[in-house]
Amino acid sequence: MTLRPRTLVTVQRVRERLRDLASADLARASAHAEQIVQDARGADAALTEFLDDSARRMRAASLTGLIRIGAELETRRAEVAAAEQARIDALAAVQASSAQVARREREVRSIEALRDRQAEVHEVLEARAEQLASDDHAVRGRAR
């Protein structure tokens, strides 16, 4: 099967565009993951601050106050767990985007290799055509 030069150029442009889109997706996922990590750190810091504050409140609190502190503590722990899960999910998305970029980069390199191979074949065919033309010209010159 012969691949036409214009077809290879078009395929290369499409693959480069897909690679660029994958790179943009990786940048977006990385920024989102960084934000999620910051949110997780904030939730953890808020929990630590709440625990420190709760220790002071528990000394002078009533039973109702202790129940309220326990409920809020569980809520904060759930927030920290949710933030940690979001961080894990965001990092998985970054890894998937990174793998996509690597795959797209390999595709671009493969089409570049095809274009290089096609250029080599074209040069060989041109050299043969020139040689045949030169040989024909030499044969005609002797025949005169």
N, C-alpha and C. Protein backbone atom coordinates (compact mmCIF):
# COMPACT_ATOMS: atom_id res chain seq x y z
N MET A 1 0.84 -1.17 0.00
CA MET A 1 0.00 0.00 0.00
C MET A 1 0.89 1.24 0.00
N THR A 2 0.60 2.15 -0.87
CA THR A 2 1.37 3.38 -0.98
C THR A 2 0.71 4.48 -0.17
N LEU A 3 1.50 5.13 0.64
CA LEU A 3 0.99 6.27 1.40
C LEU A 3 1.42 7.54 0.68
N ARG A 4 0.46 8.35 0.37
CA ARG A 4 0.76 9.60 -0.33
C ARG A 4 1.33 10.62 0.65
N PRO A 5 2.22 11.47 0.14
CA PRO A 5 2.84 12.46 1.03
C PRO A 5 1.82 13.37 1.72
N ARG A 6 0.81 13.81 0.98
CA ARG A 6 -0.19 14.69 1.59
C ARG A 6 -0.95 13.97 2.71
N THR A 7 -1.18 12.69 2.51
CA THR A 7 -1.87 11.91 3.54
C THR A 7 -1.02 11.84 4.80
N LEU A 8 0.27 11.60 4.63
CA LEU A 8 1.16 11.54 5.79
C LEU A 8 1.24 12.89 6.50
N VAL A 9 1.28 13.97 5.74
CA VAL A 9 1.32 15.30 6.35
C VAL A 9 0.05 15.55 7.15
N THR A 10 -1.08 15.18 6.57
CA THR A 10 -2.36 15.36 7.26
C THR A 10 -2.41 14.53 8.54
N VAL A 11 -2.00 13.29 8.44
CA VAL A 11 -1.99 12.42 9.63
C VAL A 11 -1.05 12.98 10.68
N GLN A 12 0.09 13.48 10.25
CA GLN A 12 1.04 14.04 11.21
C GLN A 12 0.43 15.26 11.91
N ARG A 13 -0.21 16.13 11.16
CA ARG A 13 -0.84 17.31 11.77
C ARG A 13 -1.91 16.91 12.78
N VAL A 14 -2.72 15.92 12.41
CA VAL A 14 -3.77 15.46 13.32
C VAL A 14 -3.16 14.88 14.59
N ARG A 15 -2.14 14.06 14.43
CA ARG A 15 -1.51 13.46 15.61
C ARG A 15 -0.82 14.51 16.48
N GLU A 16 -0.22 15.52 15.85
CA GLU A 16 0.39 16.59 16.63
C GLU A 16 -0.68 17.36 17.40
N ARG A 17 -1.81 17.58 16.76
CA ARG A 17 -2.92 18.29 17.44
C ARG A 17 -3.44 17.45 18.62
N LEU A 18 -3.58 16.15 18.41
CA LEU A 18 -4.02 15.28 19.50
C LEU A 18 -3.01 15.27 20.64
N ARG A 19 -1.73 15.30 20.28
CA ARG A 19 -0.68 15.36 21.31
C ARG A 19 -0.79 16.67 22.09
N ASP A 20 -1.01 17.78 21.37
CA ASP A 20 -1.14 19.07 22.03
C ASP A 20 -2.35 19.10 22.96
N LEU A 21 -3.45 18.50 22.51
CA LEU A 21 -4.64 18.43 23.36
C LEU A 21 -4.38 17.59 24.61
N ALA A 22 -3.65 16.49 24.43
CA ALA A 22 -3.32 15.65 25.58
C ALA A 22 -2.40 16.40 26.55
N SER A 23 -1.48 17.20 26.00
CA SER A 23 -0.60 18.00 26.85
C SER A 23 -1.40 19.05 27.63
N ALA A 24 -2.36 19.66 26.96
CA ALA A 24 -3.21 20.64 27.64
C ALA A 24 -4.03 19.97 28.74
N ASP A 25 -4.52 18.77 28.45
CA ASP A 25 -5.28 18.02 29.45
C ASP A 25 -4.39 17.67 30.65
N LEU A 26 -3.14 17.32 30.37
CA LEU A 26 -2.21 17.02 31.46
C LEU A 26 -1.97 18.26 32.31
N ALA A 27 -1.79 19.41 31.67
CA ALA A 27 -1.58 20.65 32.42
C ALA A 27 -2.80 20.97 33.29
N ARG A 28 -4.00 20.78 32.72
CA ARG A 28 -5.22 21.04 33.47
C ARG A 28 -5.33 20.08 34.65
N ALA A 29 -5.06 18.80 34.40
CA ALA A 29 -5.15 17.80 35.46
C ALA A 29 -4.12 18.07 36.56
N SER A 30 -2.93 18.50 36.16
CA SER A 30 -1.89 18.81 37.15
C SER A 30 -2.30 19.99 38.02
N ALA A 31 -2.85 21.03 37.39
CA ALA A 31 -3.29 22.20 38.15
C ALA A 31 -4.44 21.81 39.09
N HIS A 32 -5.35 21.00 38.60
CA HIS A 32 -6.47 20.55 39.43
C HIS A 32 -5.96 19.71 40.60
N ALA A 33 -5.01 18.83 40.33
CA ALA A 33 -4.45 17.98 41.39
C ALA A 33 -3.75 18.84 42.44
N GLU A 34 -3.05 19.87 41.99
CA GLU A 34 -2.37 20.76 42.94
C GLU A 34 -3.39 21.46 43.84
N GLN A 35 -4.50 21.89 43.24
CA GLN A 35 -5.55 22.53 44.02
C GLN A 35 -6.16 21.55 45.03
N ILE A 36 -6.37 20.32 44.58
CA ILE A 36 -6.92 19.29 45.47
C ILE A 36 -5.97 19.01 46.63
N VAL A 37 -4.68 18.95 46.34
CA VAL A 37 -3.68 18.72 47.39
C VAL A 37 -3.72 19.86 48.40
N GLN A 38 -3.82 21.09 47.90
CA GLN A 38 -3.91 22.24 48.81
C GLN A 38 -5.18 22.16 49.67
N ASP A 39 -6.29 21.76 49.05
CA ASP A 39 -7.54 21.61 49.80
C ASP A 39 -7.41 20.53 50.87
N ALA A 40 -6.74 19.43 50.53
CA ALA A 40 -6.55 18.35 51.50
C ALA A 40 -5.69 18.82 52.67
N ARG A 41 -4.66 19.59 52.35
CA ARG A 41 -3.82 20.14 53.43
C ARG A 41 -4.62 21.08 54.32
N GLY A 42 -5.47 21.89 53.67
CA GLY A 42 -6.32 22.81 54.43
C GLY A 42 -7.29 22.07 55.34
N ALA A 43 -7.90 21.00 54.83
CA ALA A 43 -8.83 20.21 55.64
C ALA A 43 -8.10 19.56 56.81
N ASP A 44 -6.89 19.08 56.56
CA ASP A 44 -6.10 18.47 57.63
C ASP A 44 -5.72 19.51 58.68
N ALA A 45 -5.33 20.69 58.22
CA ALA A 45 -4.97 21.76 59.16
C ALA A 45 -6.19 22.19 59.97
N ALA A 46 -7.35 22.26 59.32
CA ALA A 46 -8.58 22.63 60.04
C ALA A 46 -8.93 21.58 61.09
N LEU A 47 -8.73 20.32 60.76
CA LEU A 47 -9.00 19.25 61.73
C LEU A 47 -8.05 19.37 62.92
N THR A 48 -6.79 19.60 62.64
CA THR A 48 -5.81 19.73 63.72
C THR A 48 -6.15 20.92 64.62
N GLU A 49 -6.51 22.03 63.99
CA GLU A 49 -6.89 23.22 64.76
C GLU A 49 -8.13 22.94 65.61
N PHE A 50 -9.10 22.25 65.01
CA PHE A 50 -10.31 21.91 65.75
C PHE A 50 -10.00 21.01 66.94
N LEU A 51 -9.12 20.04 66.73
CA LEU A 51 -8.75 19.14 67.83
C LEU A 51 -8.06 19.91 68.96
N ASP A 52 -7.19 20.83 68.59
CA ASP A 52 -6.52 21.64 69.61
C ASP A 52 -7.53 22.48 70.39
N ASP A 53 -8.46 23.08 69.65
CA ASP A 53 -9.48 23.92 70.28
C ASP A 53 -10.44 23.06 71.12
N SER A 54 -10.75 21.86 70.64
CA SER A 54 -11.67 20.96 71.35
C SER A 54 -11.10 20.53 72.69
N ALA A 55 -9.81 20.34 72.75
CA ALA A 55 -9.19 19.94 74.01
C ALA A 55 -9.44 21.00 75.08
N ARG A 56 -9.39 22.26 74.71
CA ARG A 56 -9.65 23.34 75.67
C ARG A 56 -11.13 23.38 76.05
N ARG A 57 -11.99 23.19 75.03
CA ARG A 57 -13.43 23.27 75.29
C ARG A 57 -13.92 22.10 76.15
N MET A 58 -13.29 20.95 76.01
CA MET A 58 -13.76 19.76 76.73
C MET A 58 -13.56 19.90 78.24
N ARG A 59 -12.63 20.70 78.67
CA ARG A 59 -12.38 20.86 80.09
C ARG A 59 -13.56 21.53 80.80
N ALA A 60 -14.21 22.44 80.12
CA ALA A 60 -15.28 23.19 80.78
C ALA A 60 -16.63 22.96 80.12
N ALA A 61 -16.77 21.90 79.34
CA ALA A 61 -18.00 21.71 78.57
C ALA A 61 -18.97 20.80 79.30
N SER A 62 -20.23 20.94 78.92
CA SER A 62 -21.27 20.06 79.44
C SER A 62 -21.35 18.82 78.56
N LEU A 63 -22.22 17.91 78.90
CA LEU A 63 -22.39 16.69 78.11
C LEU A 63 -22.89 17.03 76.70
N THR A 64 -23.79 17.99 76.59
CA THR A 64 -24.29 18.41 75.28
C THR A 64 -23.15 18.99 74.44
N GLY A 65 -22.31 19.77 75.09
CA GLY A 65 -21.16 20.34 74.38
C GLY A 65 -20.22 19.26 73.89
N LEU A 66 -20.01 18.23 74.70
CA LEU A 66 -19.14 17.13 74.30
C LEU A 66 -19.74 16.37 73.11
N ILE A 67 -21.05 16.17 73.12
CA ILE A 67 -21.71 15.49 71.99
C ILE A 67 -21.55 16.33 70.72
N ARG A 68 -21.73 17.65 70.86
CA ARG A 68 -21.58 18.55 69.72
C ARG A 68 -20.14 18.50 69.19
N ILE A 69 -19.18 18.51 70.09
CA ILE A 69 -17.77 18.43 69.68
C ILE A 69 -17.50 17.11 68.96
N GLY A 70 -18.05 16.01 69.48
CA GLY A 70 -17.86 14.70 68.84
C GLY A 70 -18.46 14.67 67.44
N ALA A 71 -19.65 15.25 67.29
CA ALA A 71 -20.29 15.27 65.97
C ALA A 71 -19.49 16.11 64.98
N GLU A 72 -19.02 17.27 65.46
CA GLU A 72 -18.23 18.12 64.56
C GLU A 72 -16.90 17.45 64.22
N LEU A 73 -16.33 16.75 65.18
CA LEU A 73 -15.08 16.03 64.93
C LEU A 73 -15.27 14.97 63.84
N GLU A 74 -16.36 14.23 63.92
CA GLU A 74 -16.64 13.22 62.89
C GLU A 74 -16.84 13.87 61.52
N THR A 75 -17.51 15.01 61.50
CA THR A 75 -17.71 15.73 60.24
C THR A 75 -16.37 16.15 59.65
N ARG A 76 -15.51 16.69 60.49
CA ARG A 76 -14.19 17.12 60.01
C ARG A 76 -13.35 15.94 59.54
N ARG A 77 -13.43 14.84 60.25
CA ARG A 77 -12.69 13.64 59.81
C ARG A 77 -13.21 13.15 58.47
N ALA A 78 -14.53 13.21 58.27
CA ALA A 78 -15.11 12.82 56.98
C ALA A 78 -14.63 13.75 55.87
N GLU A 79 -14.52 15.05 56.18
CA GLU A 79 -14.00 16.01 55.19
C GLU A 79 -12.56 15.68 54.82
N VAL A 80 -11.76 15.34 55.81
CA VAL A 80 -10.36 14.98 55.55
C VAL A 80 -10.29 13.72 54.70
N ALA A 81 -11.12 12.73 55.02
CA ALA A 81 -11.12 11.49 54.24
C ALA A 81 -11.57 11.75 52.81
N ALA A 82 -12.58 12.60 52.63
CA ALA A 82 -13.04 12.94 51.28
C ALA A 82 -11.96 13.70 50.51
N ALA A 83 -11.27 14.61 51.19
CA ALA A 83 -10.20 15.36 50.54
C ALA A 83 -9.06 14.43 50.14
N GLU A 84 -8.76 13.46 50.98
CA GLU A 84 -7.70 12.49 50.65
C GLU A 84 -8.09 11.64 49.45
N GLN A 85 -9.35 11.21 49.41
CA GLN A 85 -9.81 10.42 48.26
C GLN A 85 -9.79 11.26 46.98
N ALA A 86 -10.17 12.53 47.09
CA ALA A 86 -10.13 13.42 45.92
C ALA A 86 -8.69 13.60 45.45
N ARG A 87 -7.76 13.68 46.40
CA ARG A 87 -6.33 13.80 46.04
C ARG A 87 -5.86 12.56 45.30
N ILE A 88 -6.25 11.40 45.78
CA ILE A 88 -5.86 10.14 45.13
C ILE A 88 -6.45 10.08 43.72
N ASP A 89 -7.71 10.48 43.58
CA ASP A 89 -8.36 10.48 42.26
C ASP A 89 -7.69 11.47 41.31
N ALA A 90 -7.33 12.65 41.84
CA ALA A 90 -6.68 13.66 41.00
C ALA A 90 -5.30 13.18 40.54
N LEU A 91 -4.57 12.53 41.43
CA LEU A 91 -3.25 12.02 41.04
C LEU A 91 -3.38 10.90 40.01
N ALA A 92 -4.42 10.09 40.13
CA ALA A 92 -4.67 9.05 39.12
C ALA A 92 -4.99 9.68 37.78
N ALA A 93 -5.74 10.78 37.80
CA ALA A 93 -6.06 11.49 36.55
C ALA A 93 -4.80 12.07 35.92
N VAL A 94 -3.90 12.58 36.75
CA VAL A 94 -2.63 13.11 36.23
C VAL A 94 -1.81 11.99 35.60
N GLN A 95 -1.76 10.84 36.24
CA GLN A 95 -1.01 9.71 35.68
C GLN A 95 -1.62 9.25 34.37
N ALA A 96 -2.94 9.21 34.30
CA ALA A 96 -3.61 8.81 33.05
C ALA A 96 -3.33 9.82 31.95
N SER A 97 -3.37 11.10 32.28
CA SER A 97 -3.07 12.14 31.29
C SER A 97 -1.63 12.06 30.83
N SER A 98 -0.74 11.77 31.75
CA SER A 98 0.68 11.63 31.40
C SER A 98 0.89 10.45 30.45
N ALA A 99 0.21 9.35 30.72
CA ALA A 99 0.30 8.19 29.83
C ALA A 99 -0.26 8.52 28.45
N GLN A 100 -1.34 9.30 28.42
CA GLN A 100 -1.94 9.70 27.14
C GLN A 100 -0.96 10.57 26.34
N VAL A 101 -0.29 11.50 27.02
CA VAL A 101 0.69 12.35 26.33
C VAL A 101 1.82 11.49 25.77
N ALA A 102 2.30 10.54 26.55
CA ALA A 102 3.38 9.66 26.08
C ALA A 102 2.94 8.86 24.86
N ARG A 103 1.70 8.35 24.89
CA ARG A 103 1.19 7.59 23.75
C ARG A 103 1.08 8.47 22.51
N ARG A 104 0.57 9.68 22.68
CA ARG A 104 0.44 10.60 21.55
C ARG A 104 1.81 10.99 21.00
N GLU A 105 2.78 11.14 21.88
CA GLU A 105 4.14 11.48 21.44
C GLU A 105 4.72 10.34 20.61
N ARG A 106 4.48 9.10 21.04
CA ARG A 106 4.95 7.94 20.25
C ARG A 106 4.29 7.93 18.88
N GLU A 107 3.00 8.26 18.83
CA GLU A 107 2.30 8.29 17.55
C GLU A 107 2.91 9.33 16.61
N VAL A 108 3.24 10.50 17.16
CA VAL A 108 3.85 11.55 16.34
C VAL A 108 5.21 11.08 15.84
N ARG A 109 6.00 10.46 16.71
CA ARG A 109 7.31 9.98 16.27
C ARG A 109 7.18 8.90 15.20
N SER A 110 6.17 8.05 15.30
CA SER A 110 6.01 7.00 14.29
C SER A 110 5.65 7.59 12.93
N ILE A 111 4.80 8.61 12.91
CA ILE A 111 4.46 9.22 11.62
C ILE A 111 5.65 10.00 11.07
N GLU A 112 6.46 10.58 11.94
CA GLU A 112 7.68 11.26 11.48
C GLU A 112 8.63 10.24 10.86
N ALA A 113 8.73 9.08 11.46
CA ALA A 113 9.58 8.03 10.89
C ALA A 113 9.06 7.58 9.53
N LEU A 114 7.74 7.47 9.40
CA LEU A 114 7.16 7.12 8.10
C LEU A 114 7.47 8.19 7.05
N ARG A 115 7.36 9.45 7.44
CA ARG A 115 7.67 10.53 6.49
C ARG A 115 9.14 10.50 6.09
N ASP A 116 10.02 10.23 7.06
CA ASP A 116 11.45 10.13 6.74
C ASP A 116 11.70 8.98 5.78
N ARG A 117 11.07 7.86 6.05
CA ARG A 117 11.22 6.68 5.17
C ARG A 117 10.70 6.99 3.77
N GLN A 118 9.57 7.67 3.70
CA GLN A 118 9.01 8.03 2.40
C GLN A 118 9.96 8.97 1.65
N ALA A 119 10.58 9.92 2.35
CA ALA A 119 11.52 10.83 1.71
C ALA A 119 12.73 10.07 1.18
N GLU A 120 13.20 9.09 1.95
CA GLU A 120 14.33 8.27 1.49
C GLU A 120 13.97 7.50 0.23
N VAL A 121 12.80 6.89 0.23
CA VAL A 121 12.35 6.13 -0.94
C VAL A 121 12.21 7.06 -2.14
N HIS A 122 11.67 8.24 -1.91
CA HIS A 122 11.50 9.21 -3.00
C HIS A 122 12.87 9.60 -3.58
N GLU A 123 13.85 9.82 -2.72
CA GLU A 123 15.19 10.17 -3.18
C GLU A 123 15.81 9.04 -4.00
N VAL A 124 15.63 7.81 -3.54
CA VAL A 124 16.15 6.65 -4.27
C VAL A 124 15.50 6.56 -5.65
N LEU A 125 14.19 6.72 -5.68
CA LEU A 125 13.49 6.65 -6.97
C LEU A 125 13.91 7.77 -7.90
N GLU A 126 14.10 8.96 -7.37
CA GLU A 126 14.58 10.08 -8.19
C GLU A 126 15.98 9.80 -8.73
N ALA A 127 16.84 9.24 -7.88
CA ALA A 127 18.21 8.93 -8.32
C ALA A 127 18.17 7.88 -9.43
N ARG A 128 17.31 6.88 -9.29
CA ARG A 128 17.18 5.86 -10.34
C ARG A 128 16.67 6.48 -11.64
N ALA A 129 15.68 7.34 -11.51
CA ALA A 129 15.13 7.98 -12.71
C ALA A 129 16.19 8.83 -13.40
N GLU A 130 16.98 9.55 -12.62
CA GLU A 130 18.06 10.35 -13.20
C GLU A 130 19.09 9.46 -13.88
N GLN A 131 19.42 8.35 -13.23
CA GLN A 131 20.40 7.43 -13.81
C GLN A 131 19.88 6.85 -15.12
N LEU A 132 18.61 6.45 -15.13
CA LEU A 132 18.02 5.92 -16.37
C LEU A 132 18.02 6.98 -17.47
N ALA A 133 17.67 8.21 -17.12
CA ALA A 133 17.67 9.28 -18.12
C ALA A 133 19.08 9.52 -18.63
N SER A 134 20.05 9.49 -17.74
CA SER A 134 21.44 9.68 -18.14
C SER A 134 21.91 8.54 -19.03
N ASP A 135 21.55 7.30 -18.66
CA ASP A 135 21.92 6.14 -19.48
C ASP A 135 21.27 6.22 -20.85
N ASP A 136 19.99 6.59 -20.91
CA ASP A 136 19.30 6.73 -22.19
C ASP A 136 19.96 7.79 -23.04
N HIS A 137 20.33 8.88 -22.43
CA HIS A 137 20.98 9.97 -23.16
C HIS A 137 22.34 9.51 -23.69
N ALA A 138 23.08 8.75 -22.88
CA ALA A 138 24.39 8.26 -23.31
C ALA A 138 24.23 7.26 -24.46
N VAL A 139 23.23 6.40 -24.39
CA VAL A 139 23.00 5.41 -25.45
C VAL A 139 22.60 6.12 -26.73
N ARG A 140 21.77 7.11 -26.65
CA ARG A 140 21.34 7.85 -27.84
C ARG A 140 22.51 8.61 -28.45
N GLY A 141 23.39 9.12 -27.59
CA GLY A 141 24.55 9.85 -28.10
C GLY A 141 25.49 8.93 -28.86
N ARG A 142 25.63 7.69 -28.46
CA ARG A 142 26.51 6.75 -29.15
C ARG A 142 25.88 6.28 -30.46
N ALA A 143 24.55 6.22 -30.47
CA ALA A 143 23.85 5.73 -31.66
C ALA A 143 23.95 6.71 -32.81
N ARG A 144 24.23 7.91 -32.59
CA ARG A 144 24.31 8.90 -33.67
C ARG A 144 25.53 8.74 -34.45
